[in-house]
N, C-alpha and C. Protein backbone atom coordinates (compact mmCIF):
# COMPACT_ATOMS: atom_id res chain seq x y z
N UNK A 1 -57.84 -9.79 -4.45
CA UNK A 1 -58.29 -8.38 -4.68
C UNK A 1 -56.99 -7.58 -4.32
N UNK A 2 -56.03 -8.13 -3.66
CA UNK A 2 -54.70 -7.47 -3.14
C UNK A 2 -53.74 -7.76 -4.36
N UNK A 3 -54.06 -8.61 -5.13
CA UNK A 3 -53.09 -8.89 -6.10
C UNK A 3 -52.53 -7.88 -7.11
N UNK A 4 -53.31 -6.80 -7.63
CA UNK A 4 -52.88 -5.75 -8.33
C UNK A 4 -51.97 -5.04 -7.71
N UNK A 5 -52.23 -4.73 -6.37
CA UNK A 5 -51.35 -3.63 -5.59
C UNK A 5 -50.05 -4.45 -5.38
N UNK A 6 -49.96 -5.76 -5.12
CA UNK A 6 -48.54 -6.35 -5.00
C UNK A 6 -47.90 -6.29 -6.40
N UNK A 7 -48.50 -6.40 -7.34
CA UNK A 7 -48.02 -6.34 -8.76
C UNK A 7 -47.33 -4.99 -8.99
N UNK A 8 -48.03 -3.87 -8.42
CA UNK A 8 -47.35 -2.45 -8.66
C UNK A 8 -46.20 -2.24 -7.66
N UNK A 9 -46.37 -2.96 -6.33
CA UNK A 9 -45.32 -2.81 -5.43
C UNK A 9 -44.09 -3.61 -5.96
N UNK A 10 -44.30 -4.65 -6.57
CA UNK A 10 -43.19 -5.41 -7.19
C UNK A 10 -42.31 -4.51 -8.33
N UNK A 11 -43.35 -4.05 -9.27
CA UNK A 11 -42.85 -3.10 -10.24
C UNK A 11 -42.19 -2.00 -9.79
N UNK A 12 -42.56 -1.28 -8.69
CA UNK A 12 -41.86 -0.19 -8.08
C UNK A 12 -40.51 -0.64 -7.53
N UNK A 13 -40.56 -1.76 -6.97
CA UNK A 13 -39.27 -2.31 -6.29
C UNK A 13 -38.19 -2.57 -7.29
N UNK A 14 -38.63 -3.28 -8.33
CA UNK A 14 -37.60 -3.55 -9.43
C UNK A 14 -37.22 -2.32 -10.19
N UNK A 15 -38.12 -1.29 -10.40
CA UNK A 15 -37.67 0.01 -11.09
C UNK A 15 -36.62 0.79 -10.17
N UNK A 16 -36.78 0.62 -9.04
CA UNK A 16 -35.80 1.32 -8.12
C UNK A 16 -34.49 0.58 -8.15
N UNK A 17 -34.79 -0.66 -8.00
CA UNK A 17 -33.25 -1.41 -8.09
C UNK A 17 -32.68 -1.34 -9.42
N UNK A 18 -33.33 -1.36 -10.47
CA UNK A 18 -32.61 -1.01 -11.81
C UNK A 18 -32.00 0.18 -11.77
N UNK A 19 -32.74 1.08 -11.34
CA UNK A 19 -32.35 2.62 -11.30
C UNK A 19 -30.96 2.61 -10.63
N UNK A 20 -30.98 2.03 -9.35
CA UNK A 20 -29.79 2.12 -8.49
C UNK A 20 -28.48 1.51 -9.13
N UNK A 21 -28.80 0.18 -9.67
CA UNK A 21 -27.71 -0.48 -10.34
C UNK A 21 -27.16 0.28 -11.53
N UNK A 22 -28.11 0.99 -12.39
CA UNK A 22 -27.70 1.74 -13.58
C UNK A 22 -26.79 3.04 -13.16
N UNK A 23 -27.20 3.68 -11.98
CA UNK A 23 -26.49 4.80 -11.42
C UNK A 23 -25.07 4.26 -11.00
N UNK A 24 -25.06 3.13 -10.29
CA UNK A 24 -23.78 2.58 -9.87
C UNK A 24 -22.92 2.36 -11.05
N UNK A 25 -23.39 1.71 -12.05
CA UNK A 25 -22.60 1.47 -13.23
C UNK A 25 -22.08 2.76 -13.97
N UNK A 26 -22.86 3.80 -13.92
CA UNK A 26 -22.29 4.97 -14.69
C UNK A 26 -21.43 5.63 -13.57
N UNK A 27 -21.29 5.41 -12.39
CA UNK A 27 -20.18 5.94 -11.38
C UNK A 27 -20.58 6.99 -10.46
N UNK A 28 -22.11 6.97 -10.22
CA UNK A 28 -22.56 7.83 -9.24
C UNK A 28 -22.05 7.46 -7.81
N UNK A 29 -21.70 8.34 -6.88
CA UNK A 29 -21.34 8.05 -5.60
C UNK A 29 -22.47 7.40 -4.70
N UNK A 30 -22.08 6.60 -3.83
CA UNK A 30 -23.31 5.94 -3.10
C UNK A 30 -23.85 6.73 -2.15
N UNK A 31 -23.37 8.12 -1.85
CA UNK A 31 -24.03 9.00 -0.95
C UNK A 31 -25.20 9.46 -1.73
N UNK A 32 -24.88 10.00 -2.84
CA UNK A 32 -25.97 10.41 -3.86
C UNK A 32 -26.97 9.34 -4.16
N UNK A 33 -26.75 8.11 -4.31
CA UNK A 33 -27.68 6.94 -4.27
C UNK A 33 -28.74 6.92 -3.21
N UNK A 34 -27.99 7.25 -2.01
CA UNK A 34 -28.95 7.25 -0.71
C UNK A 34 -30.11 8.34 -0.83
N UNK A 35 -29.54 9.41 -1.29
CA UNK A 35 -30.55 10.58 -1.38
C UNK A 35 -31.72 10.15 -2.49
N UNK A 36 -31.29 9.66 -3.56
CA UNK A 36 -32.10 9.28 -4.64
C UNK A 36 -33.09 8.27 -4.20
N UNK A 37 -32.67 7.20 -3.41
CA UNK A 37 -33.59 6.31 -2.86
C UNK A 37 -34.61 6.82 -2.03
N UNK A 38 -34.08 7.52 -1.17
CA UNK A 38 -34.93 8.08 -0.03
C UNK A 38 -35.99 8.98 -0.73
N UNK A 39 -35.72 9.82 -1.82
CA UNK A 39 -36.66 10.63 -2.58
C UNK A 39 -37.76 9.73 -3.20
N UNK A 40 -37.14 8.65 -3.83
CA UNK A 40 -38.21 7.81 -4.62
C UNK A 40 -39.06 7.05 -3.76
N UNK A 41 -38.47 6.48 -2.50
CA UNK A 41 -39.40 5.91 -1.48
C UNK A 41 -40.36 7.17 -0.98
N UNK A 42 -39.90 8.26 -0.72
CA UNK A 42 -40.84 9.24 -0.30
C UNK A 42 -42.05 9.45 -1.35
N UNK A 43 -41.70 9.51 -2.59
CA UNK A 43 -42.68 9.89 -3.62
C UNK A 43 -43.57 8.72 -3.85
N UNK A 44 -43.00 7.37 -3.77
CA UNK A 44 -44.04 6.27 -3.79
C UNK A 44 -44.98 6.27 -2.70
N UNK A 45 -44.52 6.59 -1.29
CA UNK A 45 -45.30 6.55 -0.29
C UNK A 45 -46.26 7.53 -0.22
N UNK A 46 -46.12 8.80 -0.90
CA UNK A 46 -47.01 9.82 -1.02
C UNK A 46 -48.04 9.39 -2.09
N UNK A 47 -47.66 8.71 -3.06
CA UNK A 47 -48.60 8.20 -4.10
C UNK A 47 -49.55 7.19 -3.51
N UNK A 48 -49.03 6.27 -2.64
CA UNK A 48 -49.86 5.35 -2.09
C UNK A 48 -50.63 5.82 -0.88
N UNK A 49 -50.35 6.92 -0.43
CA UNK A 49 -50.89 7.65 0.84
C UNK A 49 -50.55 7.24 2.08
N UNK A 50 -49.33 6.53 2.18
CA UNK A 50 -48.71 5.94 3.36
C UNK A 50 -48.36 7.27 4.29
N UNK A 51 -48.83 7.04 5.60
CA UNK A 51 -48.57 8.04 6.66
C UNK A 51 -49.69 9.00 6.84
N UNK A 52 -50.91 8.81 6.21
CA UNK A 52 -52.04 9.60 6.67
C UNK A 52 -52.55 9.18 7.92
N UNK A 53 -52.37 7.92 8.38
CA UNK A 53 -52.95 7.51 9.63
C UNK A 53 -54.38 7.10 9.67
N UNK A 54 -54.77 6.44 10.49
CA UNK A 54 -56.14 5.94 10.48
C UNK A 54 -57.18 6.93 11.07
N UNK A 55 -56.81 8.04 11.88
CA UNK A 55 -57.62 8.77 12.46
C UNK A 55 -57.76 10.24 11.84
N UNK A 56 -58.99 10.59 11.57
CA UNK A 56 -59.19 11.97 11.07
C UNK A 56 -59.49 12.87 12.34
N UNK A 57 -58.85 13.87 12.41
CA UNK A 57 -58.96 14.59 13.64
C UNK A 57 -59.63 15.83 13.55
């Protein structure tokens, strides 16, 4: 049951990794890459619903 979610997680990880490598190859400064990675991680977390917590109050 958890297999499709892991496949999506792997696909997202590979996509971010390829994006970072491509941006490095075209000469984007590492400081800018840090902001891009944080933004991508935030969007992915929002898409998964991470951070909602277990208690509805």
